[in-house]
């Protein structure tokens, strides 16, 4: 099994988080996939952003505030 580092972007409302995860690459048909821990990490970040809790989301990665520039 090989591990490939990747960045996943999570967008909720006016926030976006960039989270580091590792894709697990194997020879089976489900490859590549996330580990259970990384999947839970992404779920936690999404829930934190949904609730506006940027401090919790920032523990897992970089958090950005999105500003619309045109309507």
PDB file of N, CA and C in Angstrom:
ATOM      1  N   UNK A   1       0.841  -1.168   0.000  1.00  0.00           N
ATOM      2  CA  UNK A   1       0.000   0.000   0.000  1.00  0.00           C
ATOM      3  C   UNK A   1       0.895   1.242   0.000  1.00  0.00           C
ATOM      4  N   UNK A   2       0.558   2.183  -0.868  1.00  0.00           N
ATOM      5  CA  UNK A   2       1.275   3.453  -0.932  1.00  0.00           C
ATOM      6  C   UNK A   2       0.370   4.557  -0.401  1.00  0.00           C
ATOM      7  N   UNK A   3       0.979   5.586   0.139  1.00  0.00           N
ATOM      8  CA  UNK A   3       0.234   6.747   0.619  1.00  0.00           C
ATOM      9  C   UNK A   3       0.646   7.956  -0.201  1.00  0.00           C
ATOM     10  N   UNK A   4      -0.363   8.686  -0.671  1.00  0.00           N
ATOM     11  CA  UNK A   4      -0.118   9.896  -1.444  1.00  0.00           C
ATOM     12  C   UNK A   4      -0.701  11.098  -0.703  1.00  0.00           C
ATOM     13  N   UNK A   5       0.123  12.064  -0.344  1.00  0.00           N
ATOM     14  CA  UNK A   5      -0.412  13.255   0.323  1.00  0.00           C
ATOM     15  C   UNK A   5      -1.233  14.102  -0.649  1.00  0.00           C
ATOM     16  N   UNK A   6      -2.346  14.608  -0.171  1.00  0.00           N
ATOM     17  CA  UNK A   6      -3.229  15.450  -0.966  1.00  0.00           C
ATOM     18  C   UNK A   6      -3.805  16.543  -0.078  1.00  0.00           C
ATOM     19  N   UNK A   7      -4.315  17.580  -0.700  1.00  0.00           N
ATOM     20  CA  UNK A   7      -5.043  18.627  -0.008  1.00  0.00           C
ATOM     21  C   UNK A   7      -6.496  18.552  -0.471  1.00  0.00           C
ATOM     22  N   UNK A   8      -7.403  18.512   0.489  1.00  0.00           N
ATOM     23  CA  UNK A   8      -8.832  18.504   0.181  1.00  0.00           C
ATOM     24  C   UNK A   8      -9.401  19.856   0.566  1.00  0.00           C
ATOM     25  N   UNK A   9     -10.274  20.374  -0.273  1.00  0.00           N
ATOM     26  CA  UNK A   9     -10.931  21.643  -0.004  1.00  0.00           C
ATOM     27  C   UNK A   9     -12.352  21.376   0.471  1.00  0.00           C
ATOM     28  N   UNK A  10     -12.704  21.976   1.604  1.00  0.00           N
ATOM     29  CA  UNK A  10     -14.036  21.836   2.181  1.00  0.00           C
ATOM     30  C   UNK A  10     -14.674  23.219   2.153  1.00  0.00           C
ATOM     31  N   UNK A  11     -15.812  23.335   1.475  1.00  0.00           N
ATOM     32  CA  UNK A  11     -16.499  24.618   1.344  1.00  0.00           C
ATOM     33  C   UNK A  11     -17.844  24.532   2.042  1.00  0.00           C
ATOM     34  N   UNK A  12     -18.061  25.422   3.011  1.00  0.00           N
ATOM     35  CA  UNK A  12     -19.337  25.522   3.715  1.00  0.00           C
ATOM     36  C   UNK A  12     -19.647  26.990   3.928  1.00  0.00           C
ATOM     37  N   UNK A  13     -20.753  27.447   3.367  1.00  0.00           N
ATOM     38  CA  UNK A  13     -21.158  28.841   3.544  1.00  0.00           C
ATOM     39  C   UNK A  13     -20.106  29.795   3.025  1.00  0.00           C
ATOM     40  N   UNK A  14     -19.667  30.716   3.881  1.00  0.00           N
ATOM     41  CA  UNK A  14     -18.673  31.715   3.468  1.00  0.00           C
ATOM     42  C   UNK A  14     -17.250  31.281   3.771  1.00  0.00           C
ATOM     43  N   UNK A  15     -17.063  30.041   4.218  1.00  0.00           N
ATOM     44  CA  UNK A  15     -15.730  29.568   4.591  1.00  0.00           C
ATOM     45  C   UNK A  15     -15.253  28.434   3.690  1.00  0.00           C
ATOM     46  N   UNK A  16     -13.935  28.354   3.580  1.00  0.00           N
ATOM     47  CA  UNK A  16     -13.289  27.266   2.857  1.00  0.00           C
ATOM     48  C   UNK A  16     -12.092  26.818   3.685  1.00  0.00           C
ATOM     49  N   UNK A  17     -11.921  25.510   3.811  1.00  0.00           N
ATOM     50  CA  UNK A  17     -10.776  24.974   4.557  1.00  0.00           C
ATOM     51  C   UNK A  17      -9.957  24.090   3.632  1.00  0.00           C
ATOM     52  N   UNK A  18      -8.651  24.190   3.770  1.00  0.00           N
ATOM     53  CA  UNK A  18      -7.702  23.366   3.019  1.00  0.00           C
ATOM     54  C   UNK A  18      -7.086  22.392   4.026  1.00  0.00           C
ATOM     55  N   UNK A  19      -7.392  21.099   3.863  1.00  0.00           N
ATOM     56  CA  UNK A  19      -7.007  20.088   4.844  1.00  0.00           C
ATOM     57  C   UNK A  19      -6.070  19.081   4.183  1.00  0.00           C
ATOM     58  N   UNK A  20      -4.964  18.775   4.866  1.00  0.00           N
ATOM     59  CA  UNK A  20      -4.029  17.752   4.389  1.00  0.00           C
ATOM     60  C   UNK A  20      -4.547  16.366   4.751  1.00  0.00           C
ATOM     61  N   UNK A  21      -4.605  15.478   3.755  1.00  0.00           N
ATOM     62  CA  UNK A  21      -4.994  14.083   3.964  1.00  0.00           C
ATOM     63  C   UNK A  21      -4.040  13.195   3.175  1.00  0.00           C
ATOM     64  N   UNK A  22      -4.135  11.894   3.404  1.00  0.00           N
ATOM     65  CA  UNK A  22      -3.346  10.933   2.632  1.00  0.00           C
ATOM     66  C   UNK A  22      -4.294   9.971   1.926  1.00  0.00           C
ATOM     67  N   UNK A  23      -4.109   9.829   0.628  1.00  0.00           N
ATOM     68  CA  UNK A  23      -4.855   8.830  -0.125  1.00  0.00           C
ATOM     69  C   UNK A  23      -4.104   7.515  -0.039  1.00  0.00           C
ATOM     70  N   UNK A  24      -4.823   6.452   0.245  1.00  0.00           N
ATOM     71  CA  UNK A  24      -4.239   5.118   0.306  1.00  0.00           C
ATOM     72  C   UNK A  24      -4.435   4.459  -1.056  1.00  0.00           C
ATOM     73  N   UNK A  25      -3.333   4.051  -1.672  1.00  0.00           N
ATOM     74  CA  UNK A  25      -3.359   3.455  -2.999  1.00  0.00           C
ATOM     75  C   UNK A  25      -2.994   1.981  -2.871  1.00  0.00           C
ATOM     76  N   UNK A  26      -3.918   1.127  -3.324  1.00  0.00           N
ATOM     77  CA  UNK A  26      -3.701  -0.320  -3.295  1.00  0.00           C
ATOM     78  C   UNK A  26      -4.045  -0.890  -4.660  1.00  0.00           C
ATOM     79  N   UNK A  27      -3.971  -2.202  -4.787  1.00  0.00           N
ATOM     80  CA  UNK A  27      -4.277  -2.845  -6.060  1.00  0.00           C
ATOM     81  C   UNK A  27      -5.744  -3.235  -6.201  1.00  0.00           C
ATOM     82  N   UNK A  28      -6.557  -2.972  -5.186  1.00  0.00           N
ATOM     83  CA  UNK A  28      -7.954  -3.391  -5.292  1.00  0.00           C
ATOM     84  C   UNK A  28      -8.791  -2.351  -6.021  1.00  0.00           C
ATOM     85  N   UNK A  29     -10.049  -2.666  -6.245  1.00  0.00           N
ATOM     86  CA  UNK A  29     -10.917  -1.816  -7.059  1.00  0.00           C
ATOM     87  C   UNK A  29     -11.401  -0.559  -6.342  1.00  0.00           C
ATOM     88  N   UNK A  30     -11.217  -0.461  -5.027  1.00  0.00           N
ATOM     89  CA  UNK A  30     -11.651   0.718  -4.279  1.00  0.00           C
ATOM     90  C   UNK A  30     -10.574   1.803  -4.220  1.00  0.00           C
ATOM     91  N   UNK A  31      -9.452   1.553  -4.760  1.00  0.00           N
ATOM     92  CA  UNK A  31      -8.318   2.449  -4.659  1.00  0.00           C
ATOM     93  C   UNK A  31      -8.473   3.637  -5.604  1.00  0.00           C
ATOM     94  N   UNK A  32      -8.007   4.802  -5.274  1.00  0.00           N
ATOM     95  CA  UNK A  32      -7.485   5.268  -3.996  1.00  0.00           C
ATOM     96  C   UNK A  32      -8.632   5.656  -3.060  1.00  0.00           C
ATOM     97  N   UNK A  33      -8.353   5.628  -1.771  1.00  0.00           N
ATOM     98  CA  UNK A  33      -9.369   5.969  -0.793  1.00  0.00           C
ATOM     99  C   UNK A  33      -8.723   6.621   0.421  1.00  0.00           C
ATOM    100  N   UNK A  34      -9.563   7.228   1.253  1.00  0.00           N
ATOM    101  CA  UNK A  34      -9.110   7.882   2.479  1.00  0.00           C
ATOM    102  C   UNK A  34      -9.113   6.888   3.630  1.00  0.00           C
ATOM    103  N   UNK A  35      -8.258   7.123   4.596  1.00  0.00           N
ATOM    104  CA  UNK A  35      -8.331   6.339   5.828  1.00  0.00           C
ATOM    105  C   UNK A  35      -9.567   6.795   6.604  1.00  0.00           C
ATOM    106  N   UNK A  36      -9.984   5.991   7.541  1.00  0.00           N
ATOM    107  CA  UNK A  36     -11.144   6.335   8.365  1.00  0.00           C
ATOM    108  C   UNK A  36     -10.864   7.610   9.154  1.00  0.00           C
ATOM    109  N   UNK A  37      -9.656   7.743   9.663  1.00  0.00           N
ATOM    110  CA  UNK A  37      -9.292   8.933  10.442  1.00  0.00           C
ATOM    111  C   UNK A  37      -9.378  10.203   9.598  1.00  0.00           C
ATOM    112  N   UNK A  38      -8.877  10.142   8.360  1.00  0.00           N
ATOM    113  CA  UNK A  38      -8.942  11.309   7.483  1.00  0.00           C
ATOM    114  C   UNK A  38     -10.387  11.636   7.098  1.00  0.00           C
ATOM    115  N   UNK A  39     -11.205  10.619   6.899  1.00  0.00           N
ATOM    116  CA  UNK A  39     -12.613  10.855   6.572  1.00  0.00           C
ATOM    117  C   UNK A  39     -13.315  11.547   7.742  1.00  0.00           C
ATOM    118  N   UNK A  40     -13.045  11.090   8.970  1.00  0.00           N
ATOM    119  CA  UNK A  40     -13.619  11.747  10.143  1.00  0.00           C
ATOM    120  C   UNK A  40     -13.094  13.170  10.299  1.00  0.00           C
ATOM    121  N   UNK A  41     -11.824  13.375   9.971  1.00  0.00           N
ATOM    122  CA  UNK A  41     -11.238  14.713  10.047  1.00  0.00           C
ATOM    123  C   UNK A  41     -11.983  15.670   9.109  1.00  0.00           C
ATOM    124  N   UNK A  42     -12.255  15.224   7.882  1.00  0.00           N
ATOM    125  CA  UNK A  42     -12.987  16.059   6.930  1.00  0.00           C
ATOM    126  C   UNK A  42     -14.411  16.320   7.405  1.00  0.00           C
ATOM    127  N   UNK A  43     -15.044  15.322   8.006  1.00  0.00           N
ATOM    128  CA  UNK A  43     -16.386  15.513   8.566  1.00  0.00           C
ATOM    129  C   UNK A  43     -16.372  16.540   9.692  1.00  0.00           C
ATOM    130  N   UNK A  44     -15.363  16.470  10.558  1.00  0.00           N
ATOM    131  CA  UNK A  44     -15.252  17.427  11.666  1.00  0.00           C
ATOM    132  C   UNK A  44     -15.049  18.842  11.157  1.00  0.00           C
ATOM    133  N   UNK A  45     -14.223  18.996  10.146  1.00  0.00           N
ATOM    134  CA  UNK A  45     -13.982  20.327   9.567  1.00  0.00           C
ATOM    135  C   UNK A  45     -15.260  20.861   8.937  1.00  0.00           C
ATOM    136  N   UNK A  46     -15.966  20.035   8.194  1.00  0.00           N
ATOM    137  CA  UNK A  46     -17.211  20.468   7.553  1.00  0.00           C
ATOM    138  C   UNK A  46     -18.239  20.892   8.599  1.00  0.00           C
ATOM    139  N   UNK A  47     -18.380  20.127   9.658  1.00  0.00           N
ATOM    140  CA  UNK A  47     -19.326  20.468  10.721  1.00  0.00           C
ATOM    141  C   UNK A  47     -18.925  21.768  11.417  1.00  0.00           C
ATOM    142  N   UNK A  48     -17.642  21.945  11.687  1.00  0.00           N
ATOM    143  CA  UNK A  48     -17.168  23.171  12.329  1.00  0.00           C
ATOM    144  C   UNK A  48     -17.439  24.389  11.449  1.00  0.00           C
ATOM    145  N   UNK A  49     -17.168  24.281  10.160  1.00  0.00           N
ATOM    146  CA  UNK A  49     -17.420  25.408   9.260  1.00  0.00           C
ATOM    147  C   UNK A  49     -18.909  25.703   9.164  1.00  0.00           C
ATOM    148  N   UNK A  50     -19.723  24.671   9.150  1.00  0.00           N
ATOM    149  CA  UNK A  50     -21.173  24.851   9.074  1.00  0.00           C
ATOM    150  C   UNK A  50     -21.673  25.626  10.286  1.00  0.00           C
ATOM    151  N   UNK A  51     -21.049  25.393  11.454  1.00  0.00           N
ATOM    152  CA  UNK A  51     -21.442  26.078  12.691  1.00  0.00           C
ATOM    153  C   UNK A  51     -20.707  27.400  12.891  1.00  0.00           C
ATOM    154  N   UNK A  52     -19.836  27.777  11.956  1.00  0.00           N
ATOM    155  CA  UNK A  52     -19.088  29.023  12.066  1.00  0.00           C
ATOM    156  C   UNK A  52     -17.942  28.956  13.058  1.00  0.00           C
ATOM    157  N   UNK A  53     -17.539  27.761  13.457  1.00  0.00           N
ATOM    158  CA  UNK A  53     -16.463  27.560  14.430  1.00  0.00           C
ATOM    159  C   UNK A  53     -15.128  27.445  13.694  1.00  0.00           C
ATOM    160  N   UNK A  54     -14.584  28.580  13.313  1.00  0.00           N
ATOM    161  CA  UNK A  54     -13.354  28.587  12.526  1.00  0.00           C
ATOM    162  C   UNK A  54     -12.145  28.165  13.354  1.00  0.00           C
ATOM    163  N   UNK A  55     -12.192  28.346  14.666  1.00  0.00           N
ATOM    164  CA  UNK A  55     -11.071  27.942  15.517  1.00  0.00           C
ATOM    165  C   UNK A  55     -10.895  26.425  15.493  1.00  0.00           C
ATOM    166  N   UNK A  56     -11.987  25.692  15.571  1.00  0.00           N
ATOM    167  CA  UNK A  56     -11.903  24.228  15.504  1.00  0.00           C
ATOM    168  C   UNK A  56     -11.453  23.785  14.125  1.00  0.00           C
ATOM    169  N   UNK A  57     -11.982  24.381  13.091  1.00  0.00           N
ATOM    170  CA  UNK A  57     -11.596  24.022  11.725  1.00  0.00           C
ATOM    171  C   UNK A  57     -10.121  24.314  11.480  1.00  0.00           C
ATOM    172  N   UNK A  58      -9.604  25.376  12.094  1.00  0.00           N
ATOM    173  CA  UNK A  58      -8.204  25.762  11.894  1.00  0.00           C
ATOM    174  C   UNK A  58      -7.235  24.773  12.538  1.00  0.00           C
ATOM    175  N   UNK A  59      -7.700  23.926  13.456  1.00  0.00           N
ATOM    176  CA  UNK A  59      -6.836  22.897  14.038  1.00  0.00           C
ATOM    177  C   UNK A  59      -6.460  21.833  13.002  1.00  0.00           C
ATOM    178  N   UNK A  60      -7.277  21.687  11.975  1.00  0.00           N
ATOM    179  CA  UNK A  60      -7.068  20.655  10.966  1.00  0.00           C
ATOM    180  C   UNK A  60      -6.432  21.170   9.678  1.00  0.00           C
ATOM    181  N   UNK A  61      -6.464  22.474   9.454  1.00  0.00           N
ATOM    182  CA  UNK A  61      -5.900  23.010   8.219  1.00  0.00           C
ATOM    183  C   UNK A  61      -6.091  24.510   8.137  1.00  0.00           C
ATOM    184  N   UNK A  62      -5.831  25.039   6.960  1.00  0.00           N
ATOM    185  CA  UNK A  62      -5.963  26.476   6.736  1.00  0.00           C
ATOM    186  C   UNK A  62      -7.419  26.811   6.439  1.00  0.00           C
ATOM    187  N   UNK A  63      -7.899  27.916   7.014  1.00  0.00           N
ATOM    188  CA  UNK A  63      -9.290  28.338   6.842  1.00  0.00           C
ATOM    189  C   UNK A  63      -9.302  29.698   6.159  1.00  0.00           C
ATOM    190  N   UNK A  64     -10.181  29.824   5.178  1.00  0.00           N
ATOM    191  CA  UNK A  64     -10.316  31.067   4.425  1.00  0.00           C
ATOM    192  C   UNK A  64     -11.749  31.561   4.517  1.00  0.00           C
ATOM    193  N   UNK A  65     -11.906  32.867   4.509  1.00  0.00           N
ATOM    194  CA  UNK A  65     -13.226  33.481   4.434  1.00  0.00           C
ATOM    195  C   UNK A  65     -13.426  33.935   2.988  1.00  0.00           C
ATOM    196  N   UNK A  66     -14.530  33.527   2.405  1.00  0.00           N
ATOM    197  CA  UNK A  66     -14.800  33.878   1.014  1.00  0.00           C
ATOM    198  C   UNK A  66     -15.636  35.149   0.950  1.00  0.00           C
ATOM    199  N   UNK A  67     -15.249  36.046   0.068  1.00  0.00           N
ATOM    200  CA  UNK A  67     -15.943  37.303  -0.112  1.00  0.00           C
ATOM    201  C   UNK A  67     -16.418  37.410  -1.561  1.00  0.00           C
ATOM    202  N   UNK A  68     -17.733  37.555  -1.767  1.00  0.00           N
ATOM    203  CA  UNK A  68     -18.202  37.711  -3.143  1.00  0.00           C
ATOM    204  C   UNK A  68     -17.745  39.055  -3.722  1.00  0.00           C
ATOM    205  N   UNK A  69     -17.368  39.062  -4.976  1.00  0.00           N
ATOM    206  CA  UNK A  69     -16.924  40.308  -5.594  1.00  0.00           C
ATOM    207  C   UNK A  69     -17.936  40.820  -6.613  1.00  0.00           C
ATOM    208  N   UNK A  70     -18.913  40.014  -6.976  1.00  0.00           N
ATOM    209  CA  UNK A  70     -19.951  40.452  -7.887  1.00  0.00           C
ATOM    210  C   UNK A  70     -21.247  39.705  -7.554  1.00  0.00           C
ATOM    211  N   UNK A  71     -22.337  40.363  -7.807  1.00  0.00           N
ATOM    212  CA  UNK A  71     -23.648  39.745  -7.516  1.00  0.00           C
ATOM    213  C   UNK A  71     -24.274  39.207  -8.775  1.00  0.00           C
TER     214      UNK A  71
END
